[in-house]
């Protein structure tokens, strides 16, 4: 079940996630907020789901994502 719930008026969803330290480096956060991709600024992978997807996830407890290939880019040296 839902262990933590923030009622209306608590704050803007994506900001509450940052202030309450749910979005932390190296983690994955899924939120029903189109601004959840801003968690990348904290080193967290944030992805939004739309309301109908969120309702389906709540109802079934399941979802999936297609994960694209990943490339590592290392920058070496100093900037001029």
C-alpha atoms as a PDB file:
ATOM      1  CA  UNK A   1       0.000   0.000   0.000  1.00  0.00           C
ATOM      2  CA  UNK A   2       0.848   3.667  -0.052  1.00  0.00           C
ATOM      3  CA  UNK A   3       3.078   4.411   2.928  1.00  0.00           C
ATOM      4  CA  UNK A   4       3.578   8.138   2.448  1.00  0.00           C
ATOM      5  CA  UNK A   5       0.963  10.496   1.084  1.00  0.00           C
ATOM      6  CA  UNK A   6       1.214  14.259   0.803  1.00  0.00           C
ATOM      7  CA  UNK A   7      -2.175  16.005   0.694  1.00  0.00           C
ATOM      8  CA  UNK A   8      -3.069  18.904  -1.591  1.00  0.00           C
ATOM      9  CA  UNK A   9      -1.343  22.069  -0.501  1.00  0.00           C
ATOM     10  CA  UNK A  10       1.856  20.300   0.603  1.00  0.00           C
ATOM     11  CA  UNK A  11       3.782  21.667  -2.370  1.00  0.00           C
ATOM     12  CA  UNK A  12       4.618  21.099  -6.007  1.00  0.00           C
ATOM     13  CA  UNK A  13       5.211  17.390  -6.585  1.00  0.00           C
ATOM     14  CA  UNK A  14       8.635  17.516  -8.187  1.00  0.00           C
ATOM     15  CA  UNK A  15       9.899  19.991  -5.596  1.00  0.00           C
ATOM     16  CA  UNK A  16       8.611  17.901  -2.669  1.00  0.00           C
ATOM     17  CA  UNK A  17      10.496  14.886  -4.063  1.00  0.00           C
ATOM     18  CA  UNK A  18      13.727  16.909  -3.986  1.00  0.00           C
ATOM     19  CA  UNK A  19      13.141  18.571  -0.598  1.00  0.00           C
ATOM     20  CA  UNK A  20      12.199  15.290   1.106  1.00  0.00           C
ATOM     21  CA  UNK A  21      15.283  13.581  -0.414  1.00  0.00           C
ATOM     22  CA  UNK A  22      13.377  10.949  -2.417  1.00  0.00           C
ATOM     23  CA  UNK A  23      15.296  11.938  -5.560  1.00  0.00           C
ATOM     24  CA  UNK A  24      18.905  11.098  -4.758  1.00  0.00           C
ATOM     25  CA  UNK A  25      21.984  10.403  -6.878  1.00  0.00           C
ATOM     26  CA  UNK A  26      21.997   6.959  -8.465  1.00  0.00           C
ATOM     27  CA  UNK A  27      18.296   6.315  -7.922  1.00  0.00           C
ATOM     28  CA  UNK A  28      15.243   6.049 -10.191  1.00  0.00           C
ATOM     29  CA  UNK A  29      12.186   8.176  -9.448  1.00  0.00           C
ATOM     30  CA  UNK A  30       8.906   7.817 -11.283  1.00  0.00           C
ATOM     31  CA  UNK A  31       6.320  10.520 -10.737  1.00  0.00           C
ATOM     32  CA  UNK A  32       3.041  11.666 -12.218  1.00  0.00           C
ATOM     33  CA  UNK A  33       4.595  15.060 -12.841  1.00  0.00           C
ATOM     34  CA  UNK A  34       5.897  16.253 -16.193  1.00  0.00           C
ATOM     35  CA  UNK A  35       8.801  17.989 -14.440  1.00  0.00           C
ATOM     36  CA  UNK A  36      10.193  14.818 -12.842  1.00  0.00           C
ATOM     37  CA  UNK A  37      12.959  14.690 -15.447  1.00  0.00           C
ATOM     38  CA  UNK A  38      14.544  17.606 -13.532  1.00  0.00           C
ATOM     39  CA  UNK A  39      15.848  15.022 -11.041  1.00  0.00           C
ATOM     40  CA  UNK A  40      18.685  14.493 -13.511  1.00  0.00           C
ATOM     41  CA  UNK A  41      20.224  17.642 -12.042  1.00  0.00           C
ATOM     42  CA  UNK A  42      20.700  15.630  -8.840  1.00  0.00           C
ATOM     43  CA  UNK A  43      22.164  12.584 -10.583  1.00  0.00           C
ATOM     44  CA  UNK A  44      18.844  10.747 -10.339  1.00  0.00           C
ATOM     45  CA  UNK A  45      17.009   9.231 -13.299  1.00  0.00           C
ATOM     46  CA  UNK A  46      13.583  10.821 -13.197  1.00  0.00           C
ATOM     47  CA  UNK A  47      10.813   9.870 -15.578  1.00  0.00           C
ATOM     48  CA  UNK A  48       7.217  11.091 -15.698  1.00  0.00           C
ATOM     49  CA  UNK A  49       4.101   9.007 -16.251  1.00  0.00           C
ATOM     50  CA  UNK A  50       0.804  10.508 -17.372  1.00  0.00           C
ATOM     51  CA  UNK A  51      -2.297  10.245 -15.195  1.00  0.00           C
ATOM     52  CA  UNK A  52      -3.809   7.295 -17.048  1.00  0.00           C
ATOM     53  CA  UNK A  53      -0.514   5.377 -16.782  1.00  0.00           C
ATOM     54  CA  UNK A  54      -0.287   6.236 -13.093  1.00  0.00           C
ATOM     55  CA  UNK A  55      -3.843   4.964 -12.530  1.00  0.00           C
ATOM     56  CA  UNK A  56      -2.959   1.721 -14.316  1.00  0.00           C
ATOM     57  CA  UNK A  57       0.180   1.299 -12.206  1.00  0.00           C
ATOM     58  CA  UNK A  58      -1.783   1.893  -9.003  1.00  0.00           C
ATOM     59  CA  UNK A  59      -4.445  -0.575 -10.142  1.00  0.00           C
ATOM     60  CA  UNK A  60      -2.153  -3.375 -11.315  1.00  0.00           C
ATOM     61  CA  UNK A  61       1.099  -2.690  -9.484  1.00  0.00           C
ATOM     62  CA  UNK A  62       2.997  -3.205 -12.755  1.00  0.00           C
ATOM     63  CA  UNK A  63       4.642  -1.195 -15.517  1.00  0.00           C
ATOM     64  CA  UNK A  64       7.566  -1.461 -17.943  1.00  0.00           C
ATOM     65  CA  UNK A  65      10.065   0.750 -19.744  1.00  0.00           C
ATOM     66  CA  UNK A  66      12.078   0.205 -22.868  1.00  0.00           C
ATOM     67  CA  UNK A  67      15.696   0.933 -21.937  1.00  0.00           C
ATOM     68  CA  UNK A  68      17.780   2.294 -24.810  1.00  0.00           C
ATOM     69  CA  UNK A  69      21.459   1.425 -25.345  1.00  0.00           C
ATOM     70  CA  UNK A  70      23.859   3.444 -23.230  1.00  0.00           C
ATOM     71  CA  UNK A  71      27.213   4.964 -24.184  1.00  0.00           C
ATOM     72  CA  UNK A  72      29.906   6.224 -21.831  1.00  0.00           C
ATOM     73  CA  UNK A  73      31.698   9.415 -22.819  1.00  0.00           C
ATOM     74  CA  UNK A  74      34.772  10.446 -20.856  1.00  0.00           C
ATOM     75  CA  UNK A  75      36.223  13.912 -21.298  1.00  0.00           C
ATOM     76  CA  UNK A  76      39.931  14.041 -20.550  1.00  0.00           C
ATOM     77  CA  UNK A  77      42.137  17.107 -20.304  1.00  0.00           C
ATOM     78  CA  UNK A  78      41.503  20.750 -19.559  1.00  0.00           C
ATOM     79  CA  UNK A  79      39.302  23.293 -21.236  1.00  0.00           C
ATOM     80  CA  UNK A  80      41.171  26.110 -23.021  1.00  0.00           C
END
